[in-house]
Protein backbone atom coordinates (compact mmCIF):
# COMPACT_ATOMS: atom_id res chain seq x y z
CA MET A 1 -3.51 25.23 -25.00
CA GLN A 2 -1.89 22.56 -22.77
CA ARG A 3 0.81 21.24 -21.38
CA ARG A 4 3.29 21.42 -23.46
CA THR A 5 5.98 19.48 -21.46
CA ARG A 6 7.80 18.00 -24.82
CA TRP A 7 8.96 21.27 -26.00
CA PHE A 8 11.71 21.29 -28.48
CA THR A 9 12.06 16.92 -28.40
CA ALA A 10 13.45 14.37 -29.86
CA GLY A 11 11.42 12.69 -31.35
CA ALA A 12 8.03 15.51 -33.03
CA LEU A 13 10.09 18.85 -32.86
CA ALA A 14 13.50 16.49 -35.40
CA ILE A 15 10.40 15.03 -37.71
CA ALA A 16 8.90 18.37 -37.62
CA GLY A 17 12.18 20.43 -38.86
CA ALA A 18 12.49 17.97 -41.52
CA LEU A 19 9.34 18.44 -43.07
CA ALA A 20 9.90 22.14 -43.13
CA LEU A 21 12.91 21.35 -44.73
CA THR A 22 11.36 19.40 -47.87
CA ALA A 23 7.84 21.12 -48.16
CA CYS A 24 7.98 23.73 -51.06
CA GLY A 25 5.41 26.93 -51.83
CA SER A 26 5.20 28.35 -55.58
CA GLY A 27 5.16 31.83 -53.53
CA PHE A 28 1.81 34.96 -54.07
CA SER A 29 0.82 34.01 -57.94
CA GLY A 30 0.26 30.47 -58.12
CA ASN A 31 -3.09 29.17 -57.32
CA SER A 32 -4.77 32.80 -57.18
CA SER A 33 -7.65 32.13 -59.69
CA GLY A 34 -8.52 35.09 -58.96
CA GLY A 35 -6.61 37.70 -59.22
CA SER A 36 -4.67 40.25 -56.96
CA THR A 37 -5.33 43.67 -55.14
CA SER A 38 -3.57 46.78 -54.99
CA ASN A 39 -1.82 45.52 -52.20
CA GLY A 40 -0.40 42.37 -53.70
CA LEU A 41 -2.37 39.86 -52.16
CA THR A 42 -4.52 37.19 -53.58
CA LYS A 43 -8.71 37.72 -53.70
CA SER A 44 -11.45 35.68 -55.22
CA SER A 45 -14.84 33.64 -54.22
CA LYS A 46 -13.23 30.10 -52.94
CA PRO A 47 -13.62 29.42 -49.47
CA LEU A 48 -11.50 29.44 -46.91
CA THR A 49 -9.41 26.27 -45.23
CA VAL A 50 -8.87 26.80 -41.48
CA LEU A 51 -5.69 24.16 -40.25
CA ILE A 52 -5.28 24.29 -36.61
CA GLY A 53 -3.84 21.40 -34.26
CA SER A 54 -6.06 21.44 -31.19
CA SER A 55 -5.27 20.33 -27.17
CA GLY A 56 -9.19 19.42 -27.19
CA ASP A 57 -12.81 19.89 -27.52
CA ALA A 58 -12.40 23.36 -25.92
CA GLU A 59 -9.90 24.09 -27.90
CA THR A 60 -11.39 23.47 -31.48
CA LYS A 61 -15.04 24.48 -30.23
CA ALA A 62 -13.35 27.96 -29.37
CA VAL A 63 -11.98 28.30 -32.84
CA ASP A 64 -14.76 27.07 -34.76
CA SER A 65 -17.26 29.42 -32.94
CA ALA A 66 -14.86 32.14 -33.97
CA VAL A 67 -14.95 31.06 -37.32
CA ALA A 68 -17.80 30.36 -37.96
CA ASP A 69 -19.38 34.02 -36.14
CA TRP A 70 -16.16 35.51 -38.94
CA SER A 71 -17.62 33.61 -41.46
CA SER A 72 -21.34 34.66 -41.18
CA SER A 73 -20.34 38.61 -40.88
CA SER A 74 -17.95 38.42 -44.22
CA GLY A 75 -19.67 36.33 -46.94
CA THR A 76 -17.28 34.21 -47.02
CA LYS A 77 -17.18 30.77 -46.16
CA ALA A 78 -14.36 29.25 -43.76
CA THR A 79 -13.83 25.58 -42.48
CA VAL A 80 -11.43 24.43 -39.63
CA THR A 81 -10.01 21.00 -39.69
CA VAL A 82 -8.05 19.46 -36.41
CA ALA A 83 -5.12 18.35 -37.78
CA SER A 84 -3.67 14.70 -36.07
CA ASN A 85 0.23 15.81 -37.25
CA LEU A 86 0.41 19.38 -37.80
CA ALA A 87 3.73 19.32 -38.99
CA GLN A 88 3.69 16.54 -41.97
CA GLN A 89 -0.08 18.01 -43.23
CA LEU A 90 1.23 21.18 -43.30
CA SER A 91 4.37 19.78 -45.05
CA GLN A 92 1.56 17.57 -47.22
CA GLY A 93 0.11 21.07 -48.14
CA PHE A 94 2.38 22.94 -49.49
CA SER A 95 3.95 20.05 -51.39
CA SER A 96 0.84 19.53 -53.39
CA GLY A 97 0.40 23.73 -53.68
CA LYS A 98 -3.00 23.08 -51.87
CA PRO A 99 -1.92 24.19 -47.96
CA ALA A 100 -4.53 25.36 -46.03
CA ASP A 101 -5.03 28.84 -46.54
CA VAL A 102 -4.16 29.49 -42.40
CA PHE A 103 -2.77 27.62 -40.10
CA TYR A 104 -0.55 27.26 -36.68
CA LEU A 105 2.26 27.63 -36.96
CA SER A 106 4.75 27.14 -34.20
CA THR A 107 8.32 30.14 -33.86
CA ASP A 108 10.84 26.54 -34.96
CA GLN A 109 8.45 25.87 -37.90
CA LEU A 110 9.02 29.57 -39.32
CA ALA A 111 12.43 29.25 -40.88
CA GLY A 112 12.06 26.36 -42.99
CA PHE A 113 8.85 27.41 -44.07
CA ALA A 114 9.92 30.84 -44.99
CA SER A 115 12.46 30.41 -46.09
CA ASN A 116 10.95 27.83 -49.00
CA GLY A 117 8.18 31.13 -50.22
CA SER A 118 5.81 28.53 -48.40
CA LEU A 119 3.99 31.90 -46.64
CA LEU A 120 2.89 34.99 -47.43
CA ALA A 121 4.64 37.64 -45.29
CA TYR A 122 1.72 39.08 -44.14
CA GLY A 123 3.33 40.75 -40.74
CA ASP A 124 2.81 44.51 -41.90
CA LYS A 125 -0.17 44.54 -43.45
CA LEU A 126 -1.87 43.68 -40.03
CA ALA A 127 -4.60 46.82 -39.10
CA ASN A 128 -3.62 45.62 -35.50
CA LYS A 129 0.05 45.33 -35.99
CA SER A 130 1.11 47.75 -33.10
CA ASP A 131 -0.61 46.06 -30.35
CA PHE A 132 1.38 42.54 -30.64
CA TYR A 133 3.52 42.95 -27.86
CA PRO A 134 7.70 43.12 -29.52
CA SER A 135 9.04 40.23 -28.03
CA LEU A 136 6.50 38.13 -29.98
CA VAL A 137 6.44 40.21 -32.91
CA GLN A 138 10.03 39.16 -32.92
CA SER A 139 9.79 35.34 -32.47
CA PHE A 140 8.00 35.17 -35.87
CA THR A 141 10.21 37.52 -38.06
CA TYR A 142 12.59 36.23 -40.48
CA ASN A 143 14.83 38.33 -43.03
CA GLY A 144 14.01 41.00 -41.13
CA LYS A 145 9.97 40.08 -43.03
CA PHE A 146 7.53 40.16 -39.94
CA TYR A 147 5.43 36.89 -41.47
CA CYS A 148 2.73 36.15 -38.81
CA ALA A 149 0.32 37.58 -36.15
CA PRO A 150 1.16 36.16 -33.07
CA LYS A 151 -2.19 33.85 -32.03
CA ASP A 152 -1.12 33.64 -28.24
CA PHE A 153 2.11 32.99 -25.90
CA SER A 154 2.29 31.64 -22.48
CA THR A 155 5.73 32.38 -20.13
CA LEU A 156 7.19 30.93 -17.09
CA GLY A 157 6.57 31.41 -13.51
CA LEU A 158 6.84 29.70 -9.94
CA ILE A 159 4.20 27.09 -9.04
CA ILE A 160 4.12 27.30 -5.21
CA ASN A 161 2.33 24.35 -2.72
CA THR A 162 0.86 26.79 -0.06
CA ASP A 163 0.55 23.25 2.32
CA MET A 164 3.75 22.37 2.16
CA TRP A 165 4.54 26.19 2.40
CA LYS A 166 2.50 27.14 5.44
CA ALA A 167 3.99 23.71 6.32
CA ALA A 168 7.70 24.73 6.08
CA GLY A 169 6.65 27.96 8.17
CA LEU A 170 7.12 30.32 5.02
CA THR A 171 5.06 32.96 4.81
CA ASP A 172 4.00 35.38 1.51
CA ALA A 173 7.42 37.72 2.65
CA ASP A 174 9.21 34.64 1.76
CA ILE A 175 8.37 34.21 -2.31
CA PRO A 176 11.94 34.25 -3.29
CA THR A 177 12.50 37.07 -5.67
CA THR A 178 16.27 36.06 -6.15
CA TRP A 179 18.91 32.88 -6.85
CA ALA A 180 20.01 33.38 -3.01
CA GLN A 181 16.24 33.42 -1.97
CA LEU A 182 15.73 30.58 -4.22
CA GLU A 183 18.14 28.13 -2.56
CA THR A 184 16.87 29.12 0.98
CA VAL A 185 13.12 28.83 0.45
CA ALA A 186 13.92 25.02 -1.61
CA LYS A 187 15.87 24.03 0.90
CA LYS A 188 13.53 24.23 3.73
CA LEU A 189 11.22 22.63 1.68
CA THR A 190 12.53 19.71 1.36
CA THR A 191 12.02 16.90 3.30
CA PRO A 192 12.01 13.42 2.75
CA LYS A 193 8.70 13.13 1.36
CA HIS A 194 9.53 15.84 -1.33
CA VAL A 195 12.18 18.14 -2.96
CA GLY A 196 11.94 21.64 -2.71
CA LEU A 197 11.89 22.03 -6.22
CA ALA A 198 11.45 19.73 -9.68
CA ILE A 199 11.43 20.86 -12.56
CA GLY A 200 11.92 19.69 -16.14
CA GLY A 201 15.28 18.48 -17.39
CA GLU A 202 15.16 20.77 -20.44
CA TYR A 203 16.38 23.92 -22.19
CA ALA A 204 12.52 25.25 -22.05
CA ARG A 205 12.55 25.37 -18.68
CA ILE A 206 16.46 25.79 -17.04
CA GLY A 207 16.51 27.90 -20.16
CA ALA A 208 14.65 30.95 -17.75
CA PHE A 209 18.20 30.70 -15.30
CA MET A 210 19.98 32.10 -18.66
CA THR A 211 17.51 35.01 -19.03
CA GLN A 212 17.36 35.50 -15.69
CA ALA A 213 21.85 35.84 -16.07
CA GLY A 214 21.83 37.85 -19.20
CA GLY A 215 22.03 35.18 -21.53
CA ASN A 216 20.35 33.07 -24.24
CA LEU A 217 20.97 30.46 -26.74
CA MET A 218 21.49 32.72 -29.16
CA ASN A 219 20.46 36.83 -30.15
CA ALA A 220 17.00 38.02 -30.32
CA THR A 221 16.92 37.84 -34.24
CA SER A 222 18.39 34.36 -34.20
CA THR A 223 21.13 35.35 -36.25
CA LYS A 224 23.75 34.88 -33.79
CA ALA A 225 24.70 32.32 -31.96
CA THR A 226 25.46 33.12 -28.19
CA ALA A 227 25.63 30.09 -26.32
CA ASP A 228 28.53 30.03 -25.02
CA THR A 229 29.17 33.33 -22.91
CA PRO A 230 29.65 33.97 -19.21
CA GLU A 231 26.18 34.75 -18.61
CA ASN A 232 24.58 31.35 -19.79
CA VAL A 233 27.67 29.67 -17.84
CA ALA A 234 26.56 31.52 -14.86
CA GLY A 235 22.62 30.49 -15.19
CA LEU A 236 23.64 26.98 -15.91
CA THR A 237 26.08 26.79 -12.94
CA GLU A 238 23.24 27.93 -10.66
CA VAL A 239 20.88 25.14 -12.01
CA LYS A 240 24.35 22.86 -11.03
CA LYS A 241 24.48 23.79 -7.81
CA LEU A 242 21.35 23.57 -6.81
CA LEU A 243 20.98 19.84 -8.43
CA ASN A 244 24.26 18.75 -6.54
CA ALA A 245 22.51 20.38 -3.23
CA GLY A 246 19.22 17.87 -3.30
CA THR A 247 17.29 21.09 -3.60
CA LEU A 248 16.57 20.86 -6.90
CA LYS A 249 15.76 17.35 -8.72
CA TYR A 250 14.77 16.36 -12.66
CA ALA A 251 11.03 15.58 -12.79
CA LYS A 252 12.17 12.27 -14.48
CA ASP A 253 14.23 11.51 -11.50
CA VAL A 254 11.62 11.49 -8.74
CA GLY A 255 9.17 9.41 -11.01
CA ALA A 256 7.15 12.49 -13.08
CA GLY A 257 6.92 12.90 -16.87
CA TRP A 258 6.52 16.44 -16.69
CA GLY A 259 7.15 19.40 -13.83
CA GLY A 260 3.30 19.58 -13.57
CA GLU A 261 3.13 15.74 -12.84
CA ALA A 262 5.80 16.18 -9.83
CA PHE A 263 4.52 19.23 -8.35
CA GLY A 264 0.88 17.92 -8.59
CA LYS A 265 1.41 14.59 -7.60
CA GLY A 266 3.17 16.16 -3.91
CA LEU A 267 6.38 14.98 -5.10
CA ALA A 268 7.37 18.43 -5.48
CA ALA A 269 6.76 21.21 -3.44
CA MET A 270 7.27 24.02 -6.05
CA THR A 271 8.11 23.79 -10.12
CA ILE A 272 8.35 26.53 -12.95
CA GLU A 273 6.55 25.37 -15.47
CA GLY A 274 3.99 28.11 -17.91
CA ASN A 275 -0.19 29.38 -17.56
CA TRP A 276 -0.71 25.79 -19.15
CA ILE A 277 -0.44 24.16 -15.62
CA THR A 278 -3.56 25.87 -14.65
CA GLY A 279 -5.88 22.99 -16.99
CA ALA A 280 -3.66 19.94 -15.84
CA MET A 281 -3.76 20.81 -12.16
CA SER A 282 -7.88 21.54 -12.29
CA THR A 283 -8.38 18.69 -14.11
CA ASP A 284 -5.54 15.66 -12.42
CA PHE A 285 -4.99 17.50 -9.08
CA PRO A 286 -7.63 19.71 -8.04
CA SER A 287 -7.18 19.43 -4.38
CA VAL A 288 -3.84 20.74 -4.75
CA LYS A 289 -3.71 24.20 -3.42
CA TYR A 290 -0.95 26.63 -5.05
CA GLN A 291 0.12 29.68 -5.88
CA ILE A 292 1.66 31.49 -9.25
CA ALA A 293 4.81 33.84 -8.45
CA GLU A 294 6.71 35.39 -10.84
CA LEU A 295 10.42 33.80 -11.29
CA PRO A 296 13.57 35.35 -8.93
CA ALA A 297 15.97 37.72 -10.42
CA GLY A 298 19.38 36.71 -11.76
CA PRO A 299 22.15 38.47 -11.34
CA ALA A 300 21.13 40.59 -14.58
CA GLY A 301 17.53 41.02 -13.35
CA LYS A 302 14.15 39.00 -14.57
CA GLY A 303 14.25 36.46 -16.68
CA THR A 304 11.91 34.09 -18.29
CA LEU A 305 10.96 32.28 -21.83
CA GLN A 306 8.24 32.67 -23.68
CA PHE A 307 6.38 29.96 -26.55
CA THR A 308 3.91 31.17 -28.41
CA ASN A 309 2.63 30.57 -32.23
CA CYS A 310 1.04 32.14 -34.87
CA TRP A 311 -1.52 32.59 -37.63
CA GLY A 312 0.06 31.32 -40.79
CA ILE A 313 -0.57 32.39 -44.38
CA ALA A 314 0.16 29.95 -47.45
CA ALA A 315 1.74 31.73 -50.52
CA ASP A 316 -0.50 29.79 -52.02
CA SER A 317 -3.79 30.56 -50.65
CA PRO A 318 -6.02 32.19 -53.55
CA ASN A 319 -7.94 34.25 -51.22
CA GLN A 320 -4.94 35.97 -48.80
CA THR A 321 -7.12 39.46 -49.14
CA ALA A 322 -9.86 36.86 -46.93
CA ALA A 323 -7.34 35.15 -44.47
CA LEU A 324 -5.55 38.37 -43.33
CA LYS A 325 -9.47 39.97 -42.39
CA LEU A 326 -10.14 36.45 -40.33
CA VAL A 327 -6.19 36.51 -38.96
CA GLU A 328 -6.89 39.89 -37.26
CA LYS A 329 -10.66 39.14 -36.28
CA LEU A 330 -8.83 35.96 -35.15
CA THR A 331 -6.11 38.08 -32.77
CA SER A 332 -8.50 40.94 -31.83
CA ALA A 333 -9.67 41.66 -28.00
CA SER A 334 -12.77 39.99 -27.67
CA ASP A 335 -11.87 36.87 -30.05
CA GLN A 336 -8.20 36.13 -27.61
CA LEU A 337 -10.52 36.96 -24.25
CA ALA A 338 -12.21 34.34 -25.52
CA PHE A 339 -9.79 32.05 -26.90
CA SER A 340 -8.45 32.69 -22.86
CA LYS A 341 -11.67 31.79 -20.93
CA ALA A 342 -12.26 29.00 -22.83
CA PHE A 343 -8.82 27.34 -22.90
CA GLY A 344 -6.47 29.30 -21.48
CA PRO A 345 -3.94 30.84 -23.45
CA MET A 346 -2.60 34.45 -22.67
CA PRO A 347 -3.43 37.22 -25.83
CA SER A 348 -0.83 37.81 -27.87
CA ILE A 349 -1.96 42.29 -27.85
CA LYS A 350 -0.93 44.52 -24.95
CA SER A 351 -5.07 46.34 -25.41
CA ALA A 352 -5.83 43.07 -23.81
CA ALA A 353 -4.08 42.34 -20.96
CA ALA A 354 -6.05 44.69 -18.65
CA GLU A 355 -8.97 42.94 -19.14
CA TRP A 356 -7.13 40.16 -19.46
CA LYS A 357 -5.74 40.18 -15.99
CA THR A 358 -8.61 41.59 -13.97
CA ALA A 359 -10.63 37.93 -14.89
CA ASN A 360 -7.09 35.86 -14.30
CA PRO A 361 -6.31 37.18 -10.81
CA MET A 362 -4.08 34.62 -10.48
CA LEU A 363 -2.32 33.98 -13.70
CA VAL A 364 -1.29 37.92 -13.59
CA PRO A 365 2.62 36.56 -12.44
CA PHE A 366 3.00 35.14 -16.25
CA LEU A 367 1.48 38.15 -18.09
CA ASN A 368 3.67 40.07 -16.25
CA GLY A 369 6.26 38.06 -17.60
CA ALA A 370 5.80 39.66 -21.41
CA ASP A 371 7.67 42.58 -19.99
CA TYR A 372 10.62 40.96 -20.24
CA ALA A 373 10.31 37.34 -21.24
CA LYS A 374 12.86 36.08 -24.11
CA GLY A 375 12.04 34.50 -27.52
CA VAL A 376 13.51 30.45 -28.42
CA PRO A 377 15.44 30.28 -30.83
CA THR A 378 13.56 30.34 -34.04
CA ALA A 379 17.22 30.03 -36.78
CA LYS A 380 16.19 26.95 -39.00
CA GLY A 381 18.01 23.53 -37.70
CA SER A 382 17.86 25.22 -34.51
CA ALA A 383 14.99 22.85 -32.81
CA ASP A 384 17.91 19.57 -33.52
CA VAL A 385 20.16 21.71 -31.56
CA VAL A 386 18.20 22.88 -28.77
CA THR A 387 17.26 18.84 -28.51
CA ASP A 388 20.99 18.20 -28.79
CA PHE A 389 21.68 20.38 -25.83
CA ASN A 390 18.66 19.02 -23.89
CA SER A 391 20.75 15.33 -23.52
CA LYS A 392 23.39 17.15 -22.30
CA LEU A 393 21.56 18.90 -19.66
CA GLU A 394 20.45 15.76 -17.99
CA SER A 395 23.91 14.50 -16.74
CA LEU A 396 24.14 18.46 -15.84
CA ALA A 397 25.02 17.63 -12.01
CA THR A 398 27.88 15.59 -12.70
CA SER A 399 29.04 17.97 -16.25
CA ASP A 400 31.29 21.36 -16.56
CA PRO A 401 28.92 23.68 -17.87
CA LYS A 402 31.21 25.76 -20.31
CA THR A 403 31.84 23.03 -21.85
CA ILE A 404 27.91 21.92 -22.59
CA LEU A 405 27.66 25.48 -23.81
CA ALA A 406 30.60 25.53 -26.16
CA ALA A 407 29.33 22.64 -27.70
CA GLU A 408 26.05 24.06 -28.70
CA GLN A 409 27.90 26.99 -29.34
CA THR A 410 29.67 25.47 -32.04
CA ASN A 411 26.03 23.93 -33.20
CA LEU A 412 24.48 26.76 -33.41
CA GLU A 413 27.22 28.95 -35.62
CA ALA A 414 27.12 26.14 -38.06
CA LEU A 415 23.43 27.61 -38.71
CA VAL A 416 23.59 30.89 -39.01
CA LYS A 417 26.92 30.69 -41.42
């Protein structure tokens, strides 16, 4: 897992959404060639194929090793393939009736692939179903069915340059826990050389302020548009206030591609990013000293966004029984903790939390966010709406938050009629 700086941007996910709409699946009975078990899952002697989108060698090796271990102990052959374009290759596999058995699946792809029968809704069959964080389960629930096991997740936190913090005369007692305190420290940290806070000018960062005010673009089940609420207006108004004060700038406006780059280059004293930033800091900016805090609370309390993927299983898989067993192993505490050590994600199960916190004390604020994080919209077509929202947020400093949100309310309502 790496930076995820392009979450819900115009190009990649608009294409992914279109591909999702063109894919097709034939359901449980298609291509089973081995019959079904008593619980309705197909079973055969065929090997499993696993398709992933990898952040790099560390992730690829970790998944390869975990799958190889399961294959050795289970006696079922399994191979891992790294996709060059995961959304496209998933769509092609579904369309041909020969999809990978197990694969990475993002929240924005769920509705499209689930609605056309490409996915096996196996969540309720998981032996470890109750161990997953409820908010993650909700992210992969479509039409009341829990489709797939969350493989890991991330939340947003406040990243602070400790040298700049001390230079401004701030101490740990000044770490902001409210919007008012954030405004104060952002002002103190802003100098002619760097801004107090720099973030990506997109919903995937600004949306955290909306959740802190008690809102979000859609309800928890992504069945109702909730964009034009007073809570969301309050969230965008707070961001606009910081922008107009000059203590918050978008990363692109300080010459950076994302918040982590602005922070690492010393162009900002603080940023709002997910736990993937740690990899970038150690690789690209190893000399920068920093600490991580939970995001400040808004009028409704603490709030952050969560980002996650799941292990999808194809409806056309001839060996769903083995695929389910593999997923249970890949989402076990031992495997998830090994993945975390190898490439950084947070485990999606509660039973791994204590050990993960002990091993990653600096990152605990990110996992604490799991208790109050809200998921991003998963309704079919929502990726395109968020892309439009992002384009409007670029001019938030000079725009009316209520007008922006009213337009997105109309767009989202069209998806759920």
